[in-house]
Amino acid sequence: LATANAQVALLPFCTRATRRALLRSSVVSLAHKYPRVRRATADALYVHSLANEADLPAEAGEEASALLVGTQWDGAEAEVRTARDQLMRLWSFDPPAVRKAPAGGSAKKEDAVFGTYTDLVRDAGY
């Protein structure tokens, strides 16, 4: 929670490129798996948007503020992701990459040199 506030608090003191990267990271965090993190990030972004209107696109400032205030960030993930994606478009950010689960569930990792942990235990004679 403190990270969300600290990250947004740094925005006014960064170069333009760094500010853009931090802002994008904060907007991506609006869909975090923990509702309290989403809520804290939304609150911090809203306060920042009130104080620093220059970070918002001129034509989309009111819409972004309405989304930050009007979305129940600790609610259903589908609603949260939809609002987050709208904010990503308003700020002209690329959408975050979608992570795919590995095929076959929890596959064993095998190291090229040492093999699996099971191999290590078997070779050690335990």
Protein backbone atom coordinates (compact mmCIF):
# COMPACT_ATOMS: atom_id res chain seq x y z
CA LEU A 1 0.00 0.00 0.00
CA ALA A 2 2.81 2.36 0.80
CA THR A 3 4.39 1.59 -2.55
CA ALA A 4 1.33 2.85 -4.42
CA ASN A 5 1.41 6.15 -2.54
CA ALA A 6 5.18 6.52 -2.87
CA GLN A 7 5.14 5.75 -6.57
CA VAL A 8 2.46 8.34 -7.28
CA ALA A 9 4.10 10.87 -4.93
CA LEU A 10 7.29 10.68 -7.02
CA LEU A 11 5.52 11.64 -10.25
CA PRO A 12 5.95 15.44 -10.02
CA PHE A 13 9.71 15.10 -9.46
CA CYS A 14 10.56 12.81 -12.38
CA THR A 15 11.63 13.42 -15.93
CA ARG A 16 8.89 13.11 -18.52
CA ALA A 17 9.91 9.58 -19.58
CA THR A 18 10.19 8.34 -16.01
CA ARG A 19 6.91 10.01 -15.05
CA ARG A 20 5.19 8.28 -17.97
CA ALA A 21 6.61 4.88 -16.93
CA LEU A 22 5.60 5.39 -13.28
CA LEU A 23 2.15 6.56 -14.27
CA ARG A 24 1.67 3.51 -16.52
CA SER A 25 2.85 1.21 -13.74
CA SER A 26 0.37 2.82 -11.35
CA VAL A 27 -2.50 2.43 -13.81
CA VAL A 28 -1.57 -1.23 -14.36
CA SER A 29 -1.66 -1.68 -10.56
CA LEU A 30 -5.34 -0.74 -10.62
CA ALA A 31 -6.00 -4.36 -11.59
CA HIS A 32 -3.76 -5.83 -8.87
CA LYS A 33 -4.98 -9.09 -7.38
CA TYR A 34 -5.35 -7.53 -3.93
CA PRO A 35 -8.32 -5.14 -3.59
CA ARG A 36 -6.63 -2.94 -0.97
CA VAL A 37 -3.74 -2.26 -3.36
CA ARG A 38 -6.19 -1.33 -6.13
CA ARG A 39 -8.08 1.01 -3.82
CA ALA A 40 -4.95 2.72 -2.49
CA THR A 41 -3.58 3.17 -6.02
CA ALA A 42 -6.85 4.65 -7.28
CA ASP A 43 -7.00 7.07 -4.36
CA ALA A 44 -3.40 8.17 -4.89
CA LEU A 45 -3.92 8.62 -8.64
CA TYR A 46 -7.07 10.66 -8.07
CA VAL A 47 -5.37 13.00 -5.62
CA HIS A 48 -2.43 13.33 -8.00
CA SER A 49 -4.76 14.10 -10.93
CA LEU A 50 -6.38 16.92 -8.93
CA ALA A 51 -3.04 18.51 -8.13
CA ASN A 52 -1.29 17.82 -11.44
CA GLU A 53 -3.75 18.14 -14.29
CA ALA A 54 -0.88 18.28 -16.78
CA ASP A 55 -0.44 14.49 -16.47
CA LEU A 56 -3.96 13.94 -17.76
CA PRO A 57 -4.87 14.27 -21.42
CA ALA A 58 -6.75 17.58 -21.79
CA GLU A 59 -9.80 16.09 -23.49
CA ALA A 60 -10.03 13.10 -21.14
CA GLY A 61 -9.33 14.62 -17.72
CA GLU A 62 -12.90 14.59 -16.49
CA GLU A 63 -13.53 11.08 -17.80
CA ALA A 64 -10.37 9.77 -16.10
CA SER A 65 -11.31 11.45 -12.82
CA ALA A 66 -14.84 10.04 -13.05
CA LEU A 67 -13.45 6.54 -13.60
CA LEU A 68 -11.05 6.85 -10.68
CA VAL A 69 -13.82 8.00 -8.35
CA GLY A 70 -16.77 6.05 -9.74
CA THR A 71 -15.22 2.58 -9.95
CA GLN A 72 -15.44 0.28 -6.97
CA TRP A 73 -11.75 -0.71 -7.01
CA ASP A 74 -12.17 -3.27 -4.27
CA GLY A 75 -15.05 -4.90 -6.15
CA ALA A 76 -15.33 -7.48 -8.91
CA GLU A 77 -12.20 -8.04 -10.99
CA ALA A 78 -14.06 -7.88 -14.31
CA GLU A 79 -15.36 -4.38 -13.56
CA VAL A 80 -11.94 -3.29 -12.30
CA ARG A 81 -10.13 -4.55 -15.40
CA THR A 82 -12.62 -2.81 -17.68
CA ALA A 83 -12.11 0.51 -15.87
CA ARG A 84 -8.34 0.02 -15.84
CA ASP A 85 -8.33 -0.67 -19.58
CA GLN A 86 -10.35 2.49 -20.22
CA LEU A 87 -7.81 4.50 -18.23
CA MET A 88 -4.99 2.89 -20.21
CA ARG A 89 -6.66 4.09 -23.43
CA LEU A 90 -7.27 7.59 -22.04
CA TRP A 91 -3.58 7.96 -21.16
CA SER A 92 -2.55 6.36 -24.49
CA PHE A 93 -0.68 3.52 -22.81
CA ASP A 94 -0.13 0.15 -24.42
CA PRO A 95 -2.27 -2.50 -22.73
CA PRO A 96 -0.44 -4.81 -20.35
CA ALA A 97 0.65 -8.18 -21.68
CA VAL A 98 -1.68 -11.04 -20.81
CA ARG A 99 0.02 -13.81 -18.88
CA LYS A 100 -0.84 -17.32 -19.90
CA ALA A 101 -0.71 -20.27 -17.54
CA PRO A 102 1.77 -22.96 -18.55
CA ALA A 103 0.21 -25.86 -20.42
CA GLY A 104 -0.23 -29.00 -18.36
CA GLY A 105 -0.67 -27.32 -14.99
CA SER A 106 2.25 -27.47 -12.58
CA ALA A 107 5.01 -28.95 -14.68
CA LYS A 108 8.32 -29.83 -13.06
CA LYS A 109 11.15 -27.47 -13.80
CA GLU A 110 14.28 -29.20 -14.99
CA ASP A 111 17.67 -27.56 -14.86
CA ALA A 112 19.92 -28.32 -17.83
CA VAL A 113 22.85 -29.22 -15.59
CA PHE A 114 21.34 -30.56 -12.38
CA GLY A 115 17.97 -31.99 -13.43
CA THR A 116 15.07 -31.88 -10.99
CA TYR A 117 15.09 -31.83 -7.21
CA THR A 118 13.90 -35.44 -7.24
CA ASP A 119 16.99 -36.40 -9.28
CA LEU A 120 19.23 -34.63 -6.76
CA VAL A 121 17.70 -36.50 -3.81
CA ARG A 122 17.86 -39.83 -5.63
CA ASP A 123 21.51 -39.30 -6.66
CA ALA A 124 22.47 -38.24 -3.12
CA GLY A 125 21.18 -41.59 -1.81
CA TYR A 126 18.40 -40.33 0.43
